[in-house]
Protein backbone atom coordinates (compact mmCIF):
# COMPACT_ATOMS: atom_id res chain seq x y z
CA MET A 1 -65.19 -19.25 25.76
CA PHE A 2 -62.45 -18.13 28.14
CA VAL A 3 -61.15 -21.69 28.48
CA ARG A 4 -61.15 -22.34 24.74
CA LEU A 5 -59.27 -19.08 24.07
CA PHE A 6 -56.35 -20.20 26.18
CA GLU A 7 -56.17 -23.79 25.13
CA PRO A 8 -52.50 -24.82 24.57
CA ALA A 9 -52.89 -25.46 20.84
CA ARG A 10 -54.66 -22.15 20.24
CA TYR A 11 -52.14 -20.32 22.41
CA ALA A 12 -49.28 -21.79 20.35
CA GLN A 13 -51.04 -20.70 17.14
CA VAL A 14 -51.34 -17.15 18.49
CA ILE A 15 -47.64 -17.09 19.30
CA ILE A 16 -46.70 -18.37 15.83
CA THR A 17 -48.96 -15.80 14.18
CA TRP A 18 -47.46 -13.02 16.27
CA GLY A 19 -43.96 -14.29 15.49
CA ARG A 20 -44.71 -14.19 11.78
CA LYS A 21 -46.07 -10.67 12.03
CA GLU A 22 -43.00 -9.58 14.00
CA SER A 23 -40.70 -11.19 11.45
CA CYS A 24 -42.54 -9.46 8.62
CA PHE A 25 -42.38 -6.17 10.54
CA MET A 26 -38.60 -6.50 10.99
CA LYS A 27 -38.16 -7.28 7.31
CA ILE A 28 -39.97 -4.05 6.47
CA ILE A 29 -37.68 -2.14 8.85
CA ASP A 30 -34.59 -3.82 7.37
CA ARG A 31 -35.61 -2.84 3.86
CA TYR A 32 -36.40 0.69 5.01
CA ILE A 33 -32.96 1.11 6.63
CA LEU A 34 -31.12 -0.35 3.64
CA LYS A 35 -33.10 1.90 1.29
CA ALA A 36 -32.02 4.90 3.37
CA HIS A 37 -28.38 3.92 2.73
CA VAL A 38 -28.50 3.16 -0.99
CA GLY A 39 -29.02 6.67 -2.30
CA SER A 40 -26.44 8.30 -0.01
CA PHE A 41 -23.91 5.53 -0.72
CA LEU A 42 -24.18 5.91 -4.49
CA PHE A 43 -24.03 9.69 -4.27
CA ALA A 44 -21.01 9.61 -1.95
CA PHE A 45 -19.24 6.94 -4.03
CA VAL A 46 -19.64 8.87 -7.30
CA THR A 47 -18.64 12.15 -5.63
CA ILE A 48 -15.50 10.70 -4.02
CA LEU A 49 -14.53 8.91 -7.21
CA PHE A 50 -14.99 12.11 -9.22
CA VAL A 51 -12.84 14.08 -6.75
CA LEU A 52 -10.04 11.47 -6.87
CA ILE A 53 -10.09 11.37 -10.68
CA LEU A 54 -10.07 15.17 -10.80
CA GLN A 55 -7.13 15.26 -8.39
CA PHE A 56 -5.23 12.72 -10.50
CA PHE A 57 -5.89 14.66 -13.68
CA ALA A 58 -4.90 17.97 -12.05
CA THR A 59 -1.64 16.42 -10.82
CA PHE A 60 -0.67 15.02 -14.22
CA ALA A 61 -2.39 17.54 -16.50
CA ASP A 62 0.82 19.43 -17.21
CA ARG A 63 2.44 16.16 -18.27
CA PHE A 64 -0.45 15.23 -20.57
CA MET A 65 -1.37 18.53 -22.19
CA GLY A 66 0.72 19.57 -25.15
CA LYS A 67 2.67 16.30 -25.23
CA GLY A 68 1.10 15.01 -28.42
CA ILE A 69 -0.76 12.26 -26.54
CA GLY A 70 -4.06 11.23 -28.13
CA PHE A 71 -7.37 11.83 -26.38
CA THR A 72 -8.21 8.11 -26.49
CA ALA A 73 -4.95 7.20 -24.75
CA MET A 74 -5.58 9.83 -22.06
CA VAL A 75 -9.12 8.54 -21.38
CA GLU A 76 -7.90 4.93 -21.29
CA LEU A 77 -5.12 5.83 -18.85
CA ILE A 78 -7.53 7.71 -16.55
CA LEU A 79 -9.98 4.79 -16.57
CA LEU A 80 -7.21 2.31 -15.74
CA GLN A 81 -5.85 4.56 -13.00
CA SER A 82 -9.33 4.93 -11.51
CA ALA A 83 -9.28 1.23 -10.53
CA TRP A 84 -7.30 1.87 -7.34
CA MET A 85 -9.66 4.77 -6.58
CA VAL A 86 -12.64 2.37 -6.48
CA GLY A 87 -11.05 0.36 -3.67
CA LEU A 88 -10.46 3.60 -1.78
CA ALA A 89 -13.82 5.26 -2.50
CA ALA A 90 -16.01 2.28 -1.50
CA PRO A 91 -15.05 2.22 2.24
CA MET A 92 -15.28 6.00 2.48
CA ALA A 93 -18.69 6.02 0.78
CA VAL A 94 -19.89 3.40 3.26
CA LEU A 95 -18.81 5.62 6.15
CA VAL A 96 -20.52 8.70 4.67
CA SER A 97 -23.79 6.86 3.94
CA VAL A 98 -23.98 5.19 7.37
CA VAL A 99 -23.35 8.46 9.23
CA MET A 100 -25.93 10.27 7.08
CA ALA A 101 -28.59 7.56 7.31
CA PHE A 102 -28.44 7.00 11.07
CA GLY A 103 -28.15 10.74 11.66
CA SER A 104 -31.30 11.29 9.60
CA LEU A 105 -33.16 8.53 11.49
CA THR A 106 -32.27 10.19 14.79
CA THR A 107 -33.20 13.69 13.60
CA THR A 108 -36.68 12.58 12.53
CA SER A 109 -37.23 10.79 15.88
CA GLU A 110 -37.54 7.44 14.11
CA MET A 111 -34.80 6.07 16.35
CA THR A 112 -36.92 6.96 19.39
CA VAL A 113 -39.88 5.07 17.90
CA PHE A 114 -37.70 2.01 17.23
CA ARG A 115 -36.36 2.15 20.76
CA ALA A 116 -39.86 2.42 22.23
CA SER A 117 -40.80 -0.67 20.20
CA GLY A 118 -38.03 -2.62 21.91
CA ILE A 119 -35.65 -2.68 18.92
CA SER A 120 -32.02 -2.21 19.91
CA LEU A 121 -29.29 -0.44 17.97
CA TYR A 122 -27.61 -3.79 17.36
CA ARG A 123 -30.72 -5.11 15.60
CA LEU A 124 -31.12 -1.96 13.52
CA MET A 125 -27.49 -2.24 12.39
CA MET A 126 -27.81 -5.90 11.43
CA PRO A 127 -28.90 -5.42 7.76
CA VAL A 128 -26.29 -2.70 7.26
CA LEU A 129 -23.58 -4.93 8.77
CA LEU A 130 -24.55 -7.76 6.41
CA ALA A 131 -24.51 -5.36 3.45
CA GLY A 132 -21.09 -4.04 4.58
CA LEU A 133 -19.77 -7.60 4.81
CA LEU A 134 -21.00 -8.42 1.29
CA LEU A 135 -19.45 -5.20 0.00
CA SER A 136 -16.17 -6.13 1.72
CA LEU A 137 -16.17 -9.46 -0.12
CA PHE A 138 -16.80 -7.65 -3.40
CA VAL A 139 -13.97 -5.14 -2.75
CA GLU A 140 -11.64 -8.02 -1.81
CA ARG A 141 -12.33 -9.75 -5.12
CA PHE A 142 -11.91 -6.44 -6.93
CA ASN A 143 -8.54 -5.78 -5.25
CA ASN A 144 -7.27 -9.27 -6.04
CA VAL A 145 -8.62 -9.75 -9.57
CA VAL A 146 -9.44 -6.45 -11.27
CA LEU A 147 -6.97 -4.05 -9.62
CA PRO A 148 -3.74 -5.97 -10.42
CA GLU A 149 -4.76 -6.27 -14.07
CA ALA A 150 -5.73 -2.59 -14.28
CA ASN A 151 -2.40 -1.53 -12.73
CA TYR A 152 -0.55 -3.84 -15.11
CA TYR A 153 -2.18 -2.39 -18.23
CA ALA A 154 -1.90 1.16 -16.87
CA LYS A 155 1.85 0.75 -16.49
CA SER A 156 2.09 -0.82 -19.94
CA LEU A 157 0.29 2.19 -21.37
CA MET A 158 2.64 4.53 -19.50
CA VAL A 159 5.54 2.56 -20.99
CA ASP A 160 4.14 3.06 -24.50
CA ILE A 161 3.71 6.80 -23.88
CA ALA A 162 7.19 7.09 -22.41
CA ARG A 163 8.70 5.22 -25.35
CA SER A 164 7.25 7.71 -27.79
CA LYS A 165 7.80 10.66 -25.41
CA PRO A 166 10.80 9.85 -23.16
CA ALA A 167 10.60 13.25 -21.42
CA PHE A 168 7.08 12.32 -20.25
CA GLY A 169 8.58 10.68 -17.17
CA LEU A 170 10.42 13.87 -16.17
CA ALA A 171 8.54 16.53 -14.21
CA GLU A 172 9.71 20.13 -14.38
CA ASN A 173 11.24 21.65 -11.22
CA ALA A 174 11.08 18.34 -9.37
CA PHE A 175 13.27 15.29 -8.87
CA SER A 176 12.06 12.29 -10.87
CA THR A 177 12.97 8.66 -10.23
CA LEU A 178 12.69 7.80 -13.92
CA VAL A 179 15.65 5.43 -13.59
CA ASP A 180 16.23 3.17 -10.59
CA GLY A 181 19.16 4.45 -8.54
CA TYR A 182 19.08 7.93 -10.12
CA SER A 183 17.29 11.17 -9.19
CA ILE A 184 16.91 13.47 -12.20
CA PHE A 185 16.00 17.15 -11.89
CA VAL A 186 14.99 19.22 -14.94
CA ARG A 187 14.37 22.96 -14.76
CA SER A 188 12.38 23.16 -18.01
CA THR A 189 11.62 21.21 -21.19
CA ASP A 190 11.02 22.31 -24.77
CA GLU A 191 8.39 20.15 -26.47
CA HIS A 192 9.32 21.30 -29.98
CA SER A 193 13.08 20.71 -29.83
CA LYS A 194 12.83 18.00 -27.09
CA GLU A 195 15.57 19.87 -25.23
CA LEU A 196 15.99 19.72 -21.45
CA ARG A 197 17.46 22.66 -19.53
CA GLY A 198 18.92 22.99 -16.05
CA ILE A 199 19.70 19.29 -15.53
CA VAL A 200 20.92 17.81 -12.22
CA ILE A 201 21.48 14.06 -11.81
CA TYR A 202 22.24 12.28 -8.52
CA ASP A 203 23.73 8.83 -9.09
CA ALA A 204 23.20 6.47 -6.14
CA SER A 205 23.59 3.25 -8.13
CA ARG A 206 27.08 2.57 -6.72
CA SER A 207 27.82 1.99 -3.05
CA ASP A 208 31.49 3.07 -3.23
CA TYR A 209 30.93 6.45 -4.94
CA LYS A 210 28.26 9.16 -4.88
CA THR A 211 28.07 11.14 -8.10
CA MET A 212 26.33 14.39 -9.02
CA VAL A 213 26.14 15.60 -12.62
CA THR A 214 25.05 19.09 -13.70
CA ALA A 215 24.48 20.32 -17.26
CA GLU A 216 23.10 23.40 -18.93
CA LYS A 217 21.01 21.45 -21.41
CA GLY A 218 20.55 18.01 -22.90
CA THR A 219 18.30 15.59 -24.76
CA ILE A 220 16.79 12.22 -23.91
CA ASP A 221 15.75 9.45 -26.30
CA PHE A 222 15.75 5.70 -26.77
CA SER A 223 18.28 3.74 -28.74
CA GLY A 224 17.25 2.23 -32.04
CA ASP A 225 16.44 -1.18 -30.50
CA ASP A 226 14.56 0.36 -27.52
CA HIS A 227 16.89 -1.47 -25.12
CA TYR A 228 18.65 1.64 -23.80
CA LEU A 229 17.70 5.13 -22.77
CA VAL A 230 20.31 7.65 -23.91
CA MET A 231 20.68 11.05 -22.25
CA THR A 232 23.06 13.43 -23.99
CA LEU A 233 24.29 16.35 -21.84
CA PHE A 234 26.07 19.56 -22.87
CA ASN A 235 28.27 22.00 -20.91
CA GLY A 236 28.34 20.50 -17.46
CA GLU A 237 30.37 19.05 -14.59
CA ILE A 238 30.69 15.70 -12.80
CA HIS A 239 31.31 15.67 -9.03
CA GLN A 240 32.26 12.34 -7.46
CA VAL A 241 32.89 11.53 -3.75
CA ARG A 242 34.12 8.21 -2.40
CA GLN A 243 31.94 6.50 0.20
CA PRO A 244 31.79 6.12 3.11
CA ASP A 245 34.98 7.91 4.24
CA HIS A 246 34.61 10.94 1.86
CA GLN A 247 38.41 11.07 1.47
CA SER A 248 38.49 11.10 -2.33
CA TYR A 249 36.87 13.79 -4.50
CA ARG A 250 36.95 14.24 -8.28
CA ASN A 251 35.63 17.07 -10.41
CA MET A 252 35.42 16.81 -14.20
CA SER A 253 34.11 19.30 -16.76
CA PHE A 254 32.69 18.35 -20.14
CA GLN A 255 31.24 19.93 -23.23
CA LYS A 256 29.35 16.80 -24.20
CA HIS A 257 28.65 13.71 -22.14
CA ARG A 258 26.40 10.74 -22.77
CA PHE A 259 24.55 8.69 -20.15
CA VAL A 260 23.28 5.27 -21.22
CA PHE A 261 20.74 3.41 -19.06
CA GLU A 262 19.43 -0.09 -19.60
CA SER A 263 15.71 0.09 -20.29
CA SER A 264 15.01 -3.01 -18.18
CA GLY A 265 16.25 -1.16 -15.13
CA PHE A 266 13.30 1.19 -14.92
CA GLY A 267 10.49 -0.46 -16.83
CA PHE A 268 10.98 0.96 -20.31
CA SER A 269 10.61 -2.22 -22.31
CA ARG A 270 8.51 -3.51 -25.13
CA SER A 271 4.95 -3.66 -23.84
CA SER A 272 3.36 -7.01 -24.54
CA GLU A 273 1.15 -9.57 -22.88
CA SER A 274 4.24 -11.34 -21.54
CA ARG A 275 5.72 -8.28 -19.82
CA MET A 276 7.04 -9.10 -16.37
CA ARG A 277 4.94 -7.72 -13.55
CA SER A 278 6.80 -5.39 -11.21
CA GLY A 279 5.71 -3.91 -7.92
CA ASP A 280 3.15 -5.15 -5.42
CA GLY A 281 0.36 -3.15 -7.10
CA GLU A 282 0.35 -5.50 -10.11
CA LEU A 283 0.20 -8.69 -8.03
CA SER A 284 -2.69 -10.56 -6.43
CA ALA A 285 -2.68 -11.71 -2.81
CA LYS A 286 -1.74 -15.25 -3.85
CA GLU A 287 1.24 -14.00 -5.86
CA LEU A 288 2.33 -11.70 -3.01
CA LEU A 289 2.21 -14.63 -0.59
CA THR A 290 4.28 -16.80 -2.96
CA ILE A 291 6.95 -14.10 -3.27
CA GLY A 292 6.93 -13.60 0.51
CA ASP A 293 7.52 -17.33 1.05
CA GLU A 294 10.47 -17.20 -1.36
CA PHE A 295 12.11 -14.37 0.58
CA ARG A 296 11.49 -16.24 3.84
CA LYS A 297 13.28 -19.29 2.41
CA ARG A 298 16.23 -17.09 1.43
CA ILE A 299 16.41 -15.71 4.98
CA ALA A 300 16.41 -19.24 6.42
CA ALA A 301 19.16 -20.32 3.97
CA SER A 302 21.35 -17.33 4.91
CA GLU A 303 20.89 -18.02 8.63
CA LYS A 304 21.92 -21.63 8.03
CA ARG A 305 25.05 -20.53 6.12
CA ILE A 306 25.98 -18.22 9.01
CA GLN A 307 26.14 -21.16 11.41
CA MET A 308 28.54 -23.14 9.20
CA PRO A 309 31.64 -20.86 9.55
CA LEU A 310 31.08 -20.58 13.30
CA GLU A 311 30.99 -24.37 13.67
CA THR A 312 34.16 -24.74 11.51
CA LEU A 313 35.99 -22.10 13.54
CA GLY A 314 35.06 -23.88 16.76
CA GLU A 315 36.42 -27.18 15.37
CA ARG A 316 39.74 -25.56 14.46
CA MET A 317 40.10 -23.99 17.89
CA ALA A 318 39.39 -27.36 19.45
CA GLU A 319 42.09 -29.02 17.29
CA SER A 320 44.65 -26.35 18.27
CA SER A 321 43.84 -26.82 21.95
CA SER A 322 44.23 -30.59 21.65
CA VAL A 323 47.71 -30.20 20.09
CA ARG A 324 48.86 -27.99 22.95
CA ALA A 325 47.36 -30.37 25.47
CA LYS A 326 49.34 -33.30 24.03
CA GLY A 327 52.57 -31.33 24.41
CA GLY A 328 53.26 -31.18 20.68
CA MET A 329 56.38 -29.27 19.57
CA ILE A 330 55.44 -25.96 17.93
CA THR A 331 58.25 -23.73 16.69
CA ALA A 332 58.04 -19.94 16.51
CA LYS A 333 57.83 -20.09 12.72
CA MET A 334 55.00 -22.59 12.86
CA ALA A 335 53.22 -20.49 15.45
CA ASN A 336 53.47 -17.34 13.32
CA LYS A 337 52.24 -19.24 10.28
CA THR A 338 49.34 -20.65 12.27
CA ARG A 339 48.42 -17.19 13.55
CA ALA A 340 48.54 -15.72 10.02
CA GLU A 341 46.37 -18.53 8.67
CA ALA A 342 43.95 -18.13 11.56
CA ALA A 343 43.79 -14.36 11.09
CA GLY A 344 43.18 -14.76 7.35
CA TYR A 345 40.55 -17.38 7.99
CA VAL A 346 38.80 -15.19 10.53
CA ASP A 347 38.87 -12.19 8.17
CA ARG A 348 37.36 -14.24 5.36
CA GLN A 349 34.67 -15.62 7.60
CA LEU A 350 33.86 -12.17 8.98
CA ALA A 351 33.53 -10.83 5.43
CA ARG A 352 31.32 -13.75 4.57
CA LEU A 353 29.22 -13.23 7.69
CA ASP A 354 28.89 -9.54 6.89
CA GLY A 355 27.66 -10.39 3.39
CA GLU A 356 25.15 -12.91 4.72
CA LEU A 357 23.87 -10.43 7.31
CA LYS A 358 23.34 -7.85 4.56
CA ASN A 359 21.50 -10.47 2.49
CA ILE A 360 19.28 -11.28 5.48
CA GLU A 361 18.53 -7.62 6.03
CA ALA A 362 17.70 -7.03 2.35
CA ASN A 363 15.56 -10.18 2.08
CA ARG A 364 13.73 -9.40 5.32
CA SER A 365 12.99 -5.89 4.09
CA MET A 366 11.52 -7.28 0.86
CA TYR A 367 9.60 -9.94 2.81
CA ASN A 368 8.07 -7.29 5.07
CA ARG A 369 7.19 -5.14 2.06
CA TYR A 370 5.35 -7.88 0.18
CA MET A 371 3.61 -9.25 3.27
CA ALA A 372 2.46 -5.73 4.19
CA ALA A 373 0.96 -5.40 0.69
CA TYR A 374 -0.66 -8.85 1.14
CA HIS A 375 -2.39 -7.91 4.40
CA LYS A 376 -3.27 -4.44 3.10
CA LYS A 377 -5.48 -5.92 0.38
CA TYR A 378 -7.63 -7.71 2.95
CA ALA A 379 -7.50 -5.00 5.63
CA LEU A 380 -8.67 -2.30 3.22
CA SER A 381 -11.45 -4.57 1.95
CA LEU A 382 -12.77 -5.26 5.46
CA ALA A 383 -12.89 -1.50 6.12
CA CYS A 384 -16.36 -1.47 4.52
CA PHE A 385 -17.60 -3.65 7.40
CA VAL A 386 -15.59 -1.85 10.09
CA PHE A 387 -16.86 1.58 9.03
CA VAL A 388 -20.44 0.41 9.60
CA LEU A 389 -19.52 -0.36 13.22
CA VAL A 390 -18.11 3.10 13.81
CA GLY A 391 -20.39 5.07 11.47
CA ALA A 392 -23.77 4.09 12.94
CA PRO A 393 -23.15 5.30 16.53
CA LEU A 394 -21.45 8.44 15.21
CA GLY A 395 -24.50 9.16 13.05
CA VAL A 396 -26.71 8.83 16.11
CA LEU A 397 -24.46 11.20 18.04
CA ALA A 398 -24.42 13.73 15.18
CA ARG A 399 -28.25 13.62 15.00
CA ARG A 400 -28.19 15.43 11.70
CA GLY A 401 -28.53 13.71 8.37
CA GLY A 402 -27.06 16.40 6.16
CA PHE A 403 -24.38 15.53 3.64
CA GLY A 404 -22.04 18.21 5.00
CA VAL A 405 -21.99 16.82 8.55
CA GLY A 406 -21.73 13.25 7.35
CA ALA A 407 -18.94 14.08 4.93
CA ALA A 408 -17.01 16.07 7.56
CA ILE A 409 -17.16 13.31 10.18
CA SER A 410 -16.36 10.65 7.58
CA LEU A 411 -13.42 12.63 6.20
CA PHE A 412 -11.91 13.03 9.67
CA LEU A 413 -12.28 9.32 10.46
CA PHE A 414 -11.00 8.21 7.08
CA VAL A 415 -7.96 10.48 7.34
CA LEU A 416 -7.27 8.98 10.77
CA TYR A 417 -7.76 5.49 9.37
CA TRP A 418 -5.49 6.18 6.40
CA MET A 419 -2.78 7.65 8.67
CA LEU A 420 -2.86 4.48 10.77
CA MET A 421 -2.73 2.36 7.61
CA ILE A 422 0.26 4.24 6.14
CA SER A 423 2.05 4.26 9.50
CA GLY A 424 1.47 0.52 9.83
CA GLU A 425 2.88 -0.02 6.33
CA LYS A 426 6.04 1.94 7.16
CA ILE A 427 6.42 0.17 10.51
CA ALA A 428 6.06 -3.21 8.79
CA GLU A 429 8.61 -2.37 6.08
CA ARG A 430 11.15 -1.32 8.73
CA GLY A 431 10.62 -4.54 10.66
CA ILE A 432 9.47 -2.84 13.87
CA LEU A 433 6.24 -4.88 13.99
CA ASP A 434 5.00 -7.99 12.25
CA PRO A 435 3.32 -7.02 8.94
CA MET A 436 0.06 -8.69 9.94
CA ILE A 437 -0.20 -6.76 13.23
CA SER A 438 0.79 -3.40 11.76
CA MET A 439 -1.53 -3.61 8.75
CA TRP A 440 -4.58 -4.72 10.75
CA LEU A 441 -3.97 -2.12 13.47
CA ALA A 442 -6.16 0.53 11.78
CA ASN A 443 -9.14 -1.84 11.54
CA ALA A 444 -8.66 -2.95 15.15
CA VAL A 445 -8.65 0.66 16.41
CA MET A 446 -11.73 1.63 14.40
CA ALA A 447 -13.64 -1.51 15.41
CA THR A 448 -12.80 -0.92 19.08
CA VAL A 449 -14.06 2.68 18.85
CA GLY A 450 -17.26 1.57 17.10
CA ILE A 451 -18.06 -1.23 19.56
CA SER A 452 -17.41 1.07 22.52
CA LEU A 453 -19.73 3.74 21.12
CA MET A 454 -22.45 1.17 20.41
CA ALA A 455 -22.27 -0.20 23.94
CA SER A 456 -22.56 3.27 25.46
CA LEU A 457 -25.32 4.46 23.13
CA ASN A 458 -27.61 1.45 23.11
CA GLY A 459 -29.16 2.15 26.49
CA SER A 460 -28.98 5.92 26.76
CA VAL A 461 -29.11 7.99 23.60
CA PHE A 462 -32.43 6.70 22.28
CA ASN A 463 -34.29 7.94 25.31
CA THR A 464 -33.99 11.52 24.03
CA SER A 465 -34.86 13.06 20.71
CA ARG A 466 -34.45 16.34 18.88
């Protein structure tokens, strides 16, 4: 009997049976762990989304209420604006649910039981990591397909509201960038008479002059064809200073003055399906990459044009040197004429070089901006996966599964993550770091912290329980 029990074929069958039982056991554990995350994730996601929508409504409530805007339009605008909140709430909800779930498992000593059974933290995190990866793919598709369309229609709706209520874009006691190149301050508005009071306008649309306009009151409306925004001011002054030397100053008083802005300059145009998309928020990753490539081509073309005047100047200097070397007769008049021509040529080339350098700087700034937005779409999507790496060991360390502790830890980490993300975006736009490096820096830092915590916890923390 002893010999038959340990025959090779029977021994192999025992191993296979045990392997199947172990696989089935691990599947049960995987489902149990995922089930522990589902409820907390949904609760955290709905809570965070509700808070963000409430914050948005509180910020813009004074601009909605009493403006004659229909309830349906308000609800539609809030729903469209909530699209960007989904991409922000999903990673944060993942972090909250992971911290809560693993904290609860540690509090109830279930982690100790898993550890005693020979199951490592890495294996327990595996189903959650896979779920985080799938959620990252979903958020990536959402950010590249749904979000650009939602932002596009949200802006179109804002355009429609602003066309019927031009003062909607002006906030009281704050500077508004309603028009590109202008900062408009309004002390108060009267909804019945559509009158604006305490108006200050800073005009930065011209590089040679800086202009400030003040007026006691005024009105704002569109022209009959909706192509121009007309602001009529009463009883004010215009202050104008020449830039950049500040040596010329003009001050003019008026009883009535009219400002006319082109509607295409700040987005007030006829809303239609063919409206041009503006801003990186209305573009997908593919469109952002196409625009970035266009700016990169412009930079290369400008750098090539810079080399041409330098090569031409070198050829002229070589010709002049060859004439002197051959002992050619050059009179004083010819020499003066040559110097004047050379000086004029150099001045023209320097002006041209200066213009090309400014073009390179402007194009590089736009390139960095669009490429930062391109990488941000993917970096923010992958945050769902990264937050699993950092959330699980932190939940074990917290050892408490309450929503308050999980939310507090998650809020701190997400604020840190968002600070790194915003800092990376600003660094990329200023050209200090490559957009790809700066935008993925937040994920790299969080992943490094999570992996380090997992490595330190896997062999030590599970030996104790509370």
